[in-house]
C-alpha atoms as a PDB file:
ATOM      1  CA  MET A   1     145.911 133.946  74.455  1.00  0.00           C
ATOM      2  CA  THR A   2     143.988 134.231  71.174  1.00  0.00           C
ATOM      3  CA  LEU A   3     143.677 131.845  68.286  1.00  0.00           C
ATOM      4  CA  SER A   4     142.946 132.179  64.592  1.00  0.00           C
ATOM      5  CA  PRO A   5     140.480 129.711  63.046  1.00  0.00           C
ATOM      6  CA  PRO A   6     141.745 126.889  60.848  1.00  0.00           C
ATOM      7  CA  ARG A   7     141.239 127.873  57.220  1.00  0.00           C
ATOM      8  CA  GLU A   8     138.810 125.025  56.617  1.00  0.00           C
ATOM      9  CA  MET A   9     136.565 126.478  59.358  1.00  0.00           C
ATOM     10  CA  GLU A  10     136.369 129.872  57.642  1.00  0.00           C
ATOM     11  CA  ASP A  11     134.525 128.579  54.606  1.00  0.00           C
ATOM     12  CA  SER A  12     132.382 125.839  56.058  1.00  0.00           C
ATOM     13  CA  VAL A  13     129.154 125.817  58.034  1.00  0.00           C
ATOM     14  CA  VAL A  14     130.069 124.895  61.601  1.00  0.00           C
ATOM     15  CA  GLU A  15     127.211 124.124  63.983  1.00  0.00           C
ATOM     16  CA  HIS A  16     129.185 125.321  67.033  1.00  0.00           C
ATOM     17  CA  PRO A  17     131.843 127.678  65.645  1.00  0.00           C
ATOM     18  CA  LEU A  18     133.556 128.484  68.968  1.00  0.00           C
ATOM     19  CA  ALA A  19     133.917 124.896  70.188  1.00  0.00           C
ATOM     20  CA  ALA A  20     137.503 124.548  68.953  1.00  0.00           C
ATOM     21  CA  TYR A  21     138.729 127.481  71.066  1.00  0.00           C
ATOM     22  CA  GLY A  22     138.135 126.018  74.516  1.00  0.00           C
ATOM     23  CA  GLY A  23     136.971 129.379  75.864  1.00  0.00           C
ATOM     24  CA  ARG A  24     139.925 131.323  74.425  1.00  0.00           C
ATOM     25  CA  ARG A  25     139.284 134.444  72.386  1.00  0.00           C
ATOM     26  CA  PRO A  26     139.888 134.358  68.619  1.00  0.00           C
ATOM     27  CA  ASP A  27     142.237 136.962  67.168  1.00  0.00           C
ATOM     28  CA  ALA A  28     140.511 140.275  66.455  1.00  0.00           C
ATOM     29  CA  PRO A  29     141.576 143.088  64.106  1.00  0.00           C
ATOM     30  CA  ARG A  30     142.409 146.569  65.376  1.00  0.00           C
ATOM     31  CA  TRP A  31     139.211 148.166  64.057  1.00  0.00           C
ATOM     32  CA  PHE A  32     137.113 145.787  66.154  1.00  0.00           C
ATOM     33  CA  SER A  33     139.053 146.392  69.361  1.00  0.00           C
ATOM     34  CA  ASP A  34     138.909 150.149  68.776  1.00  0.00           C
ATOM     35  CA  ALA A  35     135.146 149.999  68.244  1.00  0.00           C
ATOM     36  CA  LEU A  36     134.542 148.070  71.471  1.00  0.00           C
ATOM     37  CA  ALA A  37     136.771 150.556  73.312  1.00  0.00           C
ATOM     38  CA  VAL A  38     134.081 153.179  72.631  1.00  0.00           C
ATOM     39  CA  ALA A  39     132.037 152.055  75.606  1.00  0.00           C
ATOM     40  CA  PRO A  40     128.306 152.789  75.471  1.00  0.00           C
ATOM     41  CA  GLU A  41     126.206 154.338  78.179  1.00  0.00           C
ATOM     42  CA  ARG A  42     124.356 151.416  79.731  1.00  0.00           C
ATOM     43  CA  GLY A  43     120.986 151.782  81.378  1.00  0.00           C
ATOM     44  CA  ARG A  44     117.467 150.414  81.686  1.00  0.00           C
ATOM     45  CA  VAL A  45     114.113 151.992  80.928  1.00  0.00           C
ATOM     46  CA  PRO A  46     110.804 150.727  82.426  1.00  0.00           C
ATOM     47  CA  VAL A  47     108.137 149.606  79.948  1.00  0.00           C
ATOM     48  CA  ARG A  48     104.898 147.940  81.128  1.00  0.00           C
ATOM     49  CA  GLY A  49     106.455 146.662  84.319  1.00  0.00           C
ATOM     50  CA  ALA A  50     109.684 145.359  82.761  1.00  0.00           C
ATOM     51  CA  ASN A  51     113.089 147.063  82.713  1.00  0.00           C
ATOM     52  CA  ILE A  52     114.493 147.211  79.177  1.00  0.00           C
ATOM     53  CA  GLU A  53     118.262 147.191  78.643  1.00  0.00           C
ATOM     54  CA  MET A  54     119.596 150.127  76.628  1.00  0.00           C
ATOM     55  CA  LEU A  55     122.973 151.044  75.140  1.00  0.00           C
ATOM     56  CA  SER A  56     123.670 154.576  73.866  1.00  0.00           C
ATOM     57  CA  TRP A  57     126.528 156.260  72.009  1.00  0.00           C
ATOM     58  CA  GLY A  58     127.136 159.763  70.713  1.00  0.00           C
ATOM     59  CA  LYS A  59     126.013 163.248  71.681  1.00  0.00           C
ATOM     60  CA  ARG A  60     122.448 164.042  72.662  1.00  0.00           C
ATOM     61  CA  GLY A  61     120.869 166.453  70.231  1.00  0.00           C
ATOM     62  CA  ALA A  62     122.550 164.875  67.207  1.00  0.00           C
ATOM     63  CA  PRO A  63     120.306 163.121  64.663  1.00  0.00           C
ATOM     64  CA  GLY A  64     119.033 159.866  66.141  1.00  0.00           C
ATOM     65  CA  LEU A  65     119.646 156.282  65.033  1.00  0.00           C
ATOM     66  CA  LEU A  66     117.883 153.340  66.700  1.00  0.00           C
ATOM     67  CA  LEU A  67     119.281 149.805  66.268  1.00  0.00           C
ATOM     68  CA  LEU A  68     117.110 146.727  66.876  1.00  0.00           C
ATOM     69  CA  HIS A  69     118.377 143.143  67.130  1.00  0.00           C
ATOM     70  CA  GLY A  70     116.975 139.750  66.175  1.00  0.00           C
ATOM     71  CA  LEU A  71     115.203 137.015  68.120  1.00  0.00           C
ATOM     72  CA  GLY A  72     117.110 135.589  71.089  1.00  0.00           C
ATOM     73  CA  ALA A  73     119.867 138.186  70.595  1.00  0.00           C
ATOM     74  CA  HIS A  74     120.619 141.409  72.508  1.00  0.00           C
ATOM     75  CA  ALA A  75     121.752 145.013  72.116  1.00  0.00           C
ATOM     76  CA  ASP A  76     125.454 144.087  72.074  1.00  0.00           C
ATOM     77  CA  TRP A  77     125.026 142.527  68.640  1.00  0.00           C
ATOM     78  CA  TRP A  78     125.418 146.165  67.544  1.00  0.00           C
ATOM     79  CA  SER A  79     128.226 147.230  69.907  1.00  0.00           C
ATOM     80  CA  HIS A  80     130.946 146.832  67.253  1.00  0.00           C
ATOM     81  CA  VAL A  81     128.824 148.703  64.678  1.00  0.00           C
ATOM     82  CA  ALA A  82     127.258 151.581  66.607  1.00  0.00           C
ATOM     83  CA  PRO A  83     130.512 153.417  67.472  1.00  0.00           C
ATOM     84  CA  PHE A  84     131.135 154.108  63.778  1.00  0.00           C
ATOM     85  CA  PHE A  85     127.957 156.205  63.716  1.00  0.00           C
ATOM     86  CA  ALA A  86     128.478 157.938  67.063  1.00  0.00           C
ATOM     87  CA  ALA A  87     130.380 160.938  65.659  1.00  0.00           C
ATOM     88  CA  ARG A  88     127.385 161.913  63.515  1.00  0.00           C
ATOM     89  CA  TYR A  89     124.391 160.366  65.285  1.00  0.00           C
ATOM     90  CA  ARG A  90     122.994 159.831  68.735  1.00  0.00           C
ATOM     91  CA  VAL A  91     122.748 156.023  68.610  1.00  0.00           C
ATOM     92  CA  ALA A  92     120.681 153.772  70.855  1.00  0.00           C
ATOM     93  CA  ALA A  93     120.220 149.995  70.901  1.00  0.00           C
ATOM     94  CA  LEU A  94     117.779 148.089  73.083  1.00  0.00           C
ATOM     95  CA  SER A  95     117.430 144.499  74.189  1.00  0.00           C
ATOM     96  CA  TRP A  96     113.842 143.366  73.677  1.00  0.00           C
ATOM     97  CA  SER A  97     112.033 142.176  76.788  1.00  0.00           C
ATOM     98  CA  GLY A  98     112.857 138.539  77.418  1.00  0.00           C
ATOM     99  CA  MET A  99     116.275 138.959  75.798  1.00  0.00           C
ATOM    100  CA  GLY A 100     119.732 140.136  76.817  1.00  0.00           C
ATOM    101  CA  GLY A 101     119.752 142.155  80.030  1.00  0.00           C
ATOM    102  CA  SER A 102     116.052 143.021  79.863  1.00  0.00           C
ATOM    103  CA  ASP A 103     113.418 141.589  82.165  1.00  0.00           C
ATOM    104  CA  TRP A 104     111.223 138.659  81.145  1.00  0.00           C
ATOM    105  CA  ARG A 105     107.444 138.881  80.771  1.00  0.00           C
ATOM    106  CA  MET A 106     104.611 136.428  81.176  1.00  0.00           C
ATOM    107  CA  ASN A 107     103.469 137.238  77.614  1.00  0.00           C
ATOM    108  CA  TYR A 108     104.967 138.952  74.580  1.00  0.00           C
ATOM    109  CA  ASP A 109     103.046 140.888  71.941  1.00  0.00           C
ATOM    110  CA  VAL A 110     103.632 143.398  69.168  1.00  0.00           C
ATOM    111  CA  ASP A 111     102.065 146.331  71.026  1.00  0.00           C
ATOM    112  CA  THR A 112     104.450 145.836  73.927  1.00  0.00           C
ATOM    113  CA  PHE A 113     107.456 145.680  71.623  1.00  0.00           C
ATOM    114  CA  HIS A 114     106.220 148.897  70.019  1.00  0.00           C
ATOM    115  CA  GLU A 115     106.164 150.581  73.413  1.00  0.00           C
ATOM    116  CA  GLU A 116     109.725 149.388  73.969  1.00  0.00           C
ATOM    117  CA  ILE A 117     110.794 150.991  70.683  1.00  0.00           C
ATOM    118  CA  LEU A 118     109.308 154.361  71.589  1.00  0.00           C
ATOM    119  CA  ALA A 119     110.500 154.241  75.201  1.00  0.00           C
ATOM    120  CA  ALA A 120     114.067 153.399  74.174  1.00  0.00           C
ATOM    121  CA  ALA A 121     114.107 156.131  71.529  1.00  0.00           C
ATOM    122  CA  GLN A 122     112.761 158.647  74.046  1.00  0.00           C
ATOM    123  CA  ALA A 123     115.082 157.653  76.895  1.00  0.00           C
ATOM    124  CA  GLY A 124     118.054 157.512  74.544  1.00  0.00           C
ATOM    125  CA  GLY A 125     117.493 161.089  73.422  1.00  0.00           C
ATOM    126  CA  LEU A 126     116.737 160.207  69.818  1.00  0.00           C
ATOM    127  CA  PHE A 127     113.827 162.655  69.646  1.00  0.00           C
ATOM    128  CA  GLU A 128     115.946 165.590  70.858  1.00  0.00           C
ATOM    129  CA  SER A 129     117.209 166.437  67.370  1.00  0.00           C
ATOM    130  CA  SER A 130     115.385 168.805  65.025  1.00  0.00           C
ATOM    131  CA  GLU A 131     114.734 165.847  62.701  1.00  0.00           C
ATOM    132  CA  PRO A 132     113.120 162.478  63.430  1.00  0.00           C
ATOM    133  CA  PRO A 133     115.459 159.530  64.060  1.00  0.00           C
ATOM    134  CA  LEU A 134     116.346 156.762  61.659  1.00  0.00           C
ATOM    135  CA  ALA A 135     115.987 153.105  62.626  1.00  0.00           C
ATOM    136  CA  ALA A 136     117.712 149.935  61.412  1.00  0.00           C
ATOM    137  CA  ALA A 137     116.684 146.467  62.545  1.00  0.00           C
ATOM    138  CA  HIS A 138     117.880 142.913  61.920  1.00  0.00           C
ATOM    139  CA  SER A 139     115.787 139.754  61.407  1.00  0.00           C
ATOM    140  CA  PHE A 140     112.932 139.588  63.960  1.00  0.00           C
ATOM    141  CA  GLY A 141     113.699 143.197  64.852  1.00  0.00           C
ATOM    142  CA  GLY A 142     113.052 144.123  61.229  1.00  0.00           C
ATOM    143  CA  ILE A 143     109.573 142.630  61.414  1.00  0.00           C
ATOM    144  CA  MET A 144     108.828 144.603  64.578  1.00  0.00           C
ATOM    145  CA  LEU A 145     110.176 147.728  62.859  1.00  0.00           C
ATOM    146  CA  LEU A 146     107.927 147.120  59.842  1.00  0.00           C
ATOM    147  CA  ALA A 147     104.925 146.829  62.146  1.00  0.00           C
ATOM    148  CA  ALA A 148     106.014 150.003  63.933  1.00  0.00           C
ATOM    149  CA  ALA A 149     106.370 151.828  60.605  1.00  0.00           C
ATOM    150  CA  ALA A 150     102.733 150.994  59.850  1.00  0.00           C
ATOM    151  CA  ALA A 151     101.574 151.983  63.352  1.00  0.00           C
ATOM    152  CA  PHE A 152     103.546 155.172  64.061  1.00  0.00           C
ATOM    153  CA  GLY A 153     106.097 155.553  61.275  1.00  0.00           C
ATOM    154  CA  GLU A 154     105.674 159.312  61.217  1.00  0.00           C
ATOM    155  CA  ARG A 155     107.823 159.396  64.369  1.00  0.00           C
ATOM    156  CA  PHE A 156     110.802 158.181  62.300  1.00  0.00           C
ATOM    157  CA  LYS A 157     112.655 159.601  59.316  1.00  0.00           C
ATOM    158  CA  GLY A 158     113.101 156.156  57.776  1.00  0.00           C
ATOM    159  CA  ALA A 159     113.212 152.438  58.621  1.00  0.00           C
ATOM    160  CA  VAL A 160     115.879 150.024  57.328  1.00  0.00           C
ATOM    161  CA  VAL A 161     115.034 146.318  57.488  1.00  0.00           C
ATOM    162  CA  VAL A 162     118.194 144.174  57.582  1.00  0.00           C
ATOM    163  CA  ASP A 163     117.780 140.595  56.339  1.00  0.00           C
ATOM    164  CA  SER A 164     114.323 139.878  57.758  1.00  0.00           C
ATOM    165  CA  HIS A 165     112.078 137.108  56.465  1.00  0.00           C
ATOM    166  CA  VAL A 166     109.356 139.206  54.900  1.00  0.00           C
ATOM    167  CA  GLY A 167     107.879 136.123  53.304  1.00  0.00           C
ATOM    168  CA  PRO A 168     106.045 135.791  49.993  1.00  0.00           C
ATOM    169  CA  ASP A 169     102.952 134.599  51.896  1.00  0.00           C
ATOM    170  CA  GLY A 170     102.671 138.058  53.402  1.00  0.00           C
ATOM    171  CA  GLN A 171     102.989 136.785  56.981  1.00  0.00           C
ATOM    172  CA  TRP A 172     105.745 136.433  59.552  1.00  0.00           C
ATOM    173  CA  GLN A 173     105.538 133.709  62.119  1.00  0.00           C
ATOM    174  CA  LEU A 174     107.659 131.185  63.974  1.00  0.00           C
ATOM    175  CA  PRO A 175     106.977 127.460  64.021  1.00  0.00           C
ATOM    176  CA  PRO A 176     105.673 126.299  67.411  1.00  0.00           C
ATOM    177  CA  SER A 177     108.413 125.577  69.918  1.00  0.00           C
ATOM    178  CA  SER A 178     108.138 123.212  72.875  1.00  0.00           C
ATOM    179  CA  ARG A 179     111.252 124.628  74.498  1.00  0.00           C
ATOM    180  CA  ARG A 180     110.374 125.847  78.001  1.00  0.00           C
ATOM    181  CA  SER A 181     113.727 125.654  79.762  1.00  0.00           C
ATOM    182  CA  LEU A 182     117.333 126.603  79.105  1.00  0.00           C
ATOM    183  CA  PRO A 183     120.378 124.330  79.322  1.00  0.00           C
ATOM    184  CA  VAL A 184     122.823 125.075  82.136  1.00  0.00           C
ATOM    185  CA  TYR A 185     126.547 124.602  81.486  1.00  0.00           C
ATOM    186  CA  PRO A 186     129.118 123.939  84.210  1.00  0.00           C
ATOM    187  CA  SER A 187     131.552 126.596  82.946  1.00  0.00           C
ATOM    188  CA  LEU A 188     131.760 129.591  80.659  1.00  0.00           C
ATOM    189  CA  GLU A 189     134.037 127.594  78.362  1.00  0.00           C
ATOM    190  CA  ALA A 190     131.457 124.825  78.023  1.00  0.00           C
ATOM    191  CA  ALA A 191     128.723 127.348  77.283  1.00  0.00           C
ATOM    192  CA  LEU A 192     130.743 129.186  74.629  1.00  0.00           C
ATOM    193  CA  ALA A 193     131.383 125.846  72.929  1.00  0.00           C
ATOM    194  CA  ARG A 194     127.618 125.447  72.422  1.00  0.00           C
ATOM    195  CA  PHE A 195     127.017 128.867  70.847  1.00  0.00           C
ATOM    196  CA  ARG A 196     125.494 128.635  67.368  1.00  0.00           C
ATOM    197  CA  PHE A 197     123.797 130.784  64.766  1.00  0.00           C
ATOM    198  CA  THR A 198     120.215 130.230  63.654  1.00  0.00           C
ATOM    199  CA  PRO A 199     120.012 129.476  60.791  1.00  0.00           C
ATOM    200  CA  ALA A 200     123.386 127.723  60.801  1.00  0.00           C
ATOM    201  CA  GLN A 201     125.939 129.397  58.555  1.00  0.00           C
ATOM    202  CA  ARG A 202     129.638 129.811  57.964  1.00  0.00           C
ATOM    203  CA  CYS A 203     131.458 132.358  60.097  1.00  0.00           C
ATOM    204  CA  ALA A 204     134.819 133.834  59.137  1.00  0.00           C
ATOM    205  CA  ASN A 205     134.709 136.572  61.807  1.00  0.00           C
ATOM    206  CA  LEU A 206     134.794 134.381  64.883  1.00  0.00           C
ATOM    207  CA  PHE A 207     136.030 137.271  67.021  1.00  0.00           C
ATOM    208  CA  ILE A 208     132.558 138.823  66.551  1.00  0.00           C
ATOM    209  CA  ALA A 209     130.827 135.527  67.321  1.00  0.00           C
ATOM    210  CA  ASP A 210     132.906 135.237  70.495  1.00  0.00           C
ATOM    211  CA  HIS A 211     131.998 138.774  71.606  1.00  0.00           C
ATOM    212  CA  ILE A 212     128.294 138.166  70.965  1.00  0.00           C
ATOM    213  CA  ALA A 213     128.369 134.783  72.705  1.00  0.00           C
ATOM    214  CA  ARG A 214     130.037 136.130  75.858  1.00  0.00           C
ATOM    215  CA  ARG A 215     127.387 138.855  76.097  1.00  0.00           C
ATOM    216  CA  SER A 216     124.696 136.200  75.548  1.00  0.00           C
ATOM    217  CA  LEU A 217     125.576 134.276  78.723  1.00  0.00           C
ATOM    218  CA  ALA A 218     125.098 134.842  82.434  1.00  0.00           C
ATOM    219  CA  LEU A 219     125.429 132.948  85.662  1.00  0.00           C
ATOM    220  CA  THR A 220     122.046 131.430  86.453  1.00  0.00           C
ATOM    221  CA  PRO A 221     120.079 134.280  88.066  1.00  0.00           C
ATOM    222  CA  TRP A 222     116.575 132.849  87.719  1.00  0.00           C
ATOM    223  CA  GLN A 223     114.873 131.016  90.576  1.00  0.00           C
ATOM    224  CA  GLU A 224     113.486 128.227  88.434  1.00  0.00           C
ATOM    225  CA  ILE A 225     117.027 127.096  87.606  1.00  0.00           C
ATOM    226  CA  HIS A 226     118.589 125.431  90.649  1.00  0.00           C
ATOM    227  CA  GLU A 227     121.770 123.999  89.135  1.00  0.00           C
ATOM    228  CA  PRO A 228     124.670 126.493  89.270  1.00  0.00           C
ATOM    229  CA  GLY A 229     126.381 127.357  86.048  1.00  0.00           C
ATOM    230  CA  TRP A 230     126.048 129.422  82.883  1.00  0.00           C
ATOM    231  CA  THR A 231     122.997 129.778  80.672  1.00  0.00           C
ATOM    232  CA  TRP A 232     121.662 131.926  77.822  1.00  0.00           C
ATOM    233  CA  ARG A 233     120.172 135.341  78.505  1.00  0.00           C
ATOM    234  CA  PHE A 234     116.802 134.942  76.848  1.00  0.00           C
ATOM    235  CA  ASP A 235     113.381 133.670  77.788  1.00  0.00           C
ATOM    236  CA  PRO A 236     112.658 130.411  75.888  1.00  0.00           C
ATOM    237  CA  ARG A 237     108.993 131.435  75.733  1.00  0.00           C
ATOM    238  CA  CYS A 238     110.068 134.090  73.220  1.00  0.00           C
ATOM    239  CA  LEU A 239     110.496 131.309  70.698  1.00  0.00           C
ATOM    240  CA  SER A 240     106.874 130.231  70.806  1.00  0.00           C
ATOM    241  CA  ASP A 241     104.692 133.018  72.224  1.00  0.00           C
ATOM    242  CA  LEU A 242     105.177 135.656  69.533  1.00  0.00           C
ATOM    243  CA  PRO A 243     102.151 136.613  67.418  1.00  0.00           C
ATOM    244  CA  GLN A 244     101.956 136.710  63.651  1.00  0.00           C
ATOM    245  CA  VAL A 245     102.538 139.961  61.799  1.00  0.00           C
ATOM    246  CA  SER A 246     100.873 140.835  58.510  1.00  0.00           C
ATOM    247  CA  VAL A 247     103.937 141.806  56.532  1.00  0.00           C
ATOM    248  CA  ALA A 248     102.015 142.686  53.380  1.00  0.00           C
ATOM    249  CA  ALA A 249      99.798 145.131  55.268  1.00  0.00           C
ATOM    250  CA  CYS A 250     102.819 146.710  56.930  1.00  0.00           C
ATOM    251  CA  LEU A 251     104.567 147.151  53.593  1.00  0.00           C
ATOM    252  CA  ASN A 252     101.487 148.810  52.130  1.00  0.00           C
ATOM    253  CA  LYS A 253     100.703 151.031  55.111  1.00  0.00           C
ATOM    254  CA  ALA A 254     104.151 152.162  56.204  1.00  0.00           C
ATOM    255  CA  ARG A 255     104.046 155.750  57.416  1.00  0.00           C
ATOM    256  CA  CYS A 256     107.745 156.391  56.833  1.00  0.00           C
ATOM    257  CA  PRO A 257     110.164 155.532  54.003  1.00  0.00           C
ATOM    258  CA  LEU A 258     111.427 151.941  53.955  1.00  0.00           C
ATOM    259  CA  ALA A 259     114.706 150.432  52.781  1.00  0.00           C
ATOM    260  CA  PHE A 260     115.972 146.844  52.785  1.00  0.00           C
ATOM    261  CA  VAL A 261     119.431 145.365  53.252  1.00  0.00           C
ATOM    262  CA  ALA A 262     120.083 141.669  52.593  1.00  0.00           C
ATOM    263  CA  GLY A 263     122.990 139.278  52.740  1.00  0.00           C
ATOM    264  CA  ALA A 264     123.777 138.150  49.207  1.00  0.00           C
ATOM    265  CA  ARG A 265     124.099 134.527  50.420  1.00  0.00           C
ATOM    266  CA  SER A 266     121.247 134.671  52.906  1.00  0.00           C
ATOM    267  CA  THR A 267     118.683 131.870  52.896  1.00  0.00           C
ATOM    268  CA  VAL A 268     116.274 134.180  54.753  1.00  0.00           C
ATOM    269  CA  THR A 269     116.039 136.859  52.064  1.00  0.00           C
ATOM    270  CA  ASP A 270     116.140 134.766  48.919  1.00  0.00           C
ATOM    271  CA  ALA A 271     114.945 135.745  45.439  1.00  0.00           C
ATOM    272  CA  ALA A 272     111.310 135.000  46.308  1.00  0.00           C
ATOM    273  CA  VAL A 273     111.435 137.352  49.297  1.00  0.00           C
ATOM    274  CA  GLU A 274     113.075 140.104  47.263  1.00  0.00           C
ATOM    275  CA  ASP A 275     110.456 139.715  44.532  1.00  0.00           C
ATOM    276  CA  PHE A 276     107.645 139.867  47.114  1.00  0.00           C
ATOM    277  CA  VAL A 277     109.027 143.081  48.634  1.00  0.00           C
ATOM    278  CA  ARG A 278     109.497 144.755  45.258  1.00  0.00           C
ATOM    279  CA  ARG A 279     105.913 143.863  44.284  1.00  0.00           C
ATOM    280  CA  THR A 280     104.326 144.800  47.600  1.00  0.00           C
ATOM    281  CA  ALA A 281     106.273 147.749  49.017  1.00  0.00           C
ATOM    282  CA  PRO A 282     105.997 151.269  47.573  1.00  0.00           C
ATOM    283  CA  ARG A 283     107.714 151.668  44.228  1.00  0.00           C
ATOM    284  CA  GLY A 284     111.391 152.556  44.358  1.00  0.00           C
ATOM    285  CA  VAL A 285     112.097 151.123  47.824  1.00  0.00           C
ATOM    286  CA  PRO A 286     115.879 150.499  48.034  1.00  0.00           C
ATOM    287  CA  TRP A 287     117.029 146.867  48.175  1.00  0.00           C
ATOM    288  CA  ILE A 288     120.757 146.607  48.948  1.00  0.00           C
ATOM    289  CA  LYS A 289     122.662 143.321  48.813  1.00  0.00           C
ATOM    290  CA  ILE A 290     125.808 142.924  50.928  1.00  0.00           C
ATOM    291  CA  PRO A 291     128.252 140.642  49.065  1.00  0.00           C
ATOM    292  CA  ASP A 292     129.694 137.579  50.802  1.00  0.00           C
ATOM    293  CA  ALA A 293     127.167 137.800  53.646  1.00  0.00           C
ATOM    294  CA  ASP A 294     124.679 135.306  55.027  1.00  0.00           C
ATOM    295  CA  HIS A 295     121.763 136.146  57.351  1.00  0.00           C
ATOM    296  CA  HIS A 296     123.812 137.658  60.193  1.00  0.00           C
ATOM    297  CA  VAL A 297     125.121 140.566  58.167  1.00  0.00           C
ATOM    298  CA  MET A 298     126.661 142.489  61.083  1.00  0.00           C
ATOM    299  CA  VAL A 299     128.771 139.401  61.818  1.00  0.00           C
ATOM    300  CA  ASP A 300     129.614 138.407  58.240  1.00  0.00           C
ATOM    301  CA  GLN A 301     130.373 141.826  56.734  1.00  0.00           C
ATOM    302  CA  PRO A 302     130.168 144.499  59.438  1.00  0.00           C
ATOM    303  CA  LEU A 303     132.283 147.100  57.649  1.00  0.00           C
ATOM    304  CA  ALA A 304     130.337 146.650  54.417  1.00  0.00           C
ATOM    305  CA  LEU A 305     127.085 147.015  56.351  1.00  0.00           C
ATOM    306  CA  ILE A 306     128.352 150.199  58.001  1.00  0.00           C
ATOM    307  CA  ALA A 307     129.413 151.619  54.641  1.00  0.00           C
ATOM    308  CA  ALA A 308     126.088 150.687  53.043  1.00  0.00           C
ATOM    309  CA  LEU A 309     124.104 152.361  55.822  1.00  0.00           C
ATOM    310  CA  PHE A 310     126.210 155.517  55.672  1.00  0.00           C
ATOM    311  CA  ALA A 311     125.775 155.692  51.900  1.00  0.00           C
ATOM    312  CA  LEU A 312     122.047 155.050  52.214  1.00  0.00           C
ATOM    313  CA  PHE A 313     121.601 157.751  54.852  1.00  0.00           C
ATOM    314  CA  GLU A 314     123.345 160.287  52.590  1.00  0.00           C
ATOM    315  CA  CYS A 315     120.782 159.975  49.790  1.00  0.00           C
ATOM    316  CA  TRP A 316     117.720 158.456  51.476  1.00  0.00           C
ATOM    317  CA  PRO A 317     115.050 159.151  52.330  1.00  0.00           C
ATOM    318  CA  ARG A 318     114.617 161.808  49.709  1.00  0.00           C
ATOM    319  CA  VAL A 319     113.285 165.099  50.987  1.00  0.00           C
ATOM    320  CA  PRO A 320     110.480 166.431  48.786  1.00  0.00           C
ATOM    321  CA  PRO A 321     111.180 169.848  47.242  1.00  0.00           C
END
C-alpha cells in the first residue's frame, strides 16, 4: 500500500517527513519507478584499506560522469538521477568512506577522499573514453570536488558543484560534533519515522525521501552496537573529524572548468555565497538556479536538475578553437 502526503505537508517544513506513513511507501510517479528499474552495477573498490561502495550505469567507453553525494548520505541519492544519463554517459557514483555501504575509517581527510574519487572513476571505467570525465557533486561532495579540481583537475573535463556551502569567509568547515554513537531503532518503520533532512526543509517528493531513507538504514552490523535493530549507515565521526578546506584557494587554482548549480530557495547557497563565488572564481563561471528547490536539489527538483545538467553539458565547458 502507498500513500500520498496531506497537502499541508507538501508546503511546510516537516522535521521527520516520513513519520506519518508508518513504514508504508508514498506514491511514486512512473518516471521514478522506471528510473529505479534501471539497476546499477554494484561493487566495491579498495582504497587505503577500506572498501568503497560503487554504483555504475551505462556502457564502458562512453564519456564518463562521476556523481558525488553529501555528508552522511550515500551513492543511492543519485540512483533516480543517474539512469537518465546512462544512454549517453558511463556513470559512476560512490559512497564516501564512513558512509553508505563503504567501510569506516579511524580518521578521515581530504587526501583520502581524493584517492576515493580517482579510484572510483578508474574502477568505474570513466577514464576509458577518449575524453576526460565530467563530475557533479552535492553539498559536502561539492567541497571535496572543488579541492580535487585544485589538486588534479586536469583529469576531469569539468566539475559541477551542486548547492555546496562555498562560504564568503573562503573556508568550509563543520561545527564540532560530540556525537559518537548512532541511535538504534526496534523496527524499520520506527527508523524511517526518524529520517530527516539537514538542514530541515519542505519535501513534496516524499517518494524520493522514502527511497533514500530505506537505503540509509541497515540492521546493526557493527560490534560496538549490542542492541538489535536498525540504525543509520554512516560513521558519526564523519560529522566532527573532517578538516577545513580553503574554498577561496580552490576556486582560484582549479585546474578544470567549474560550474555551480543552486536551489533557488536554498539557505546554503544564499546571495552572499553566490556573490562570493562570482567574485572569487574565474570570470564567466556558470551559476544556475533551480526554481522551487531547497538544498537537496535532487530530491526537490530532480527532473529540473537533470535537464539543467544536460543543457550545461551541451555547451560547457567550451572547447578552445
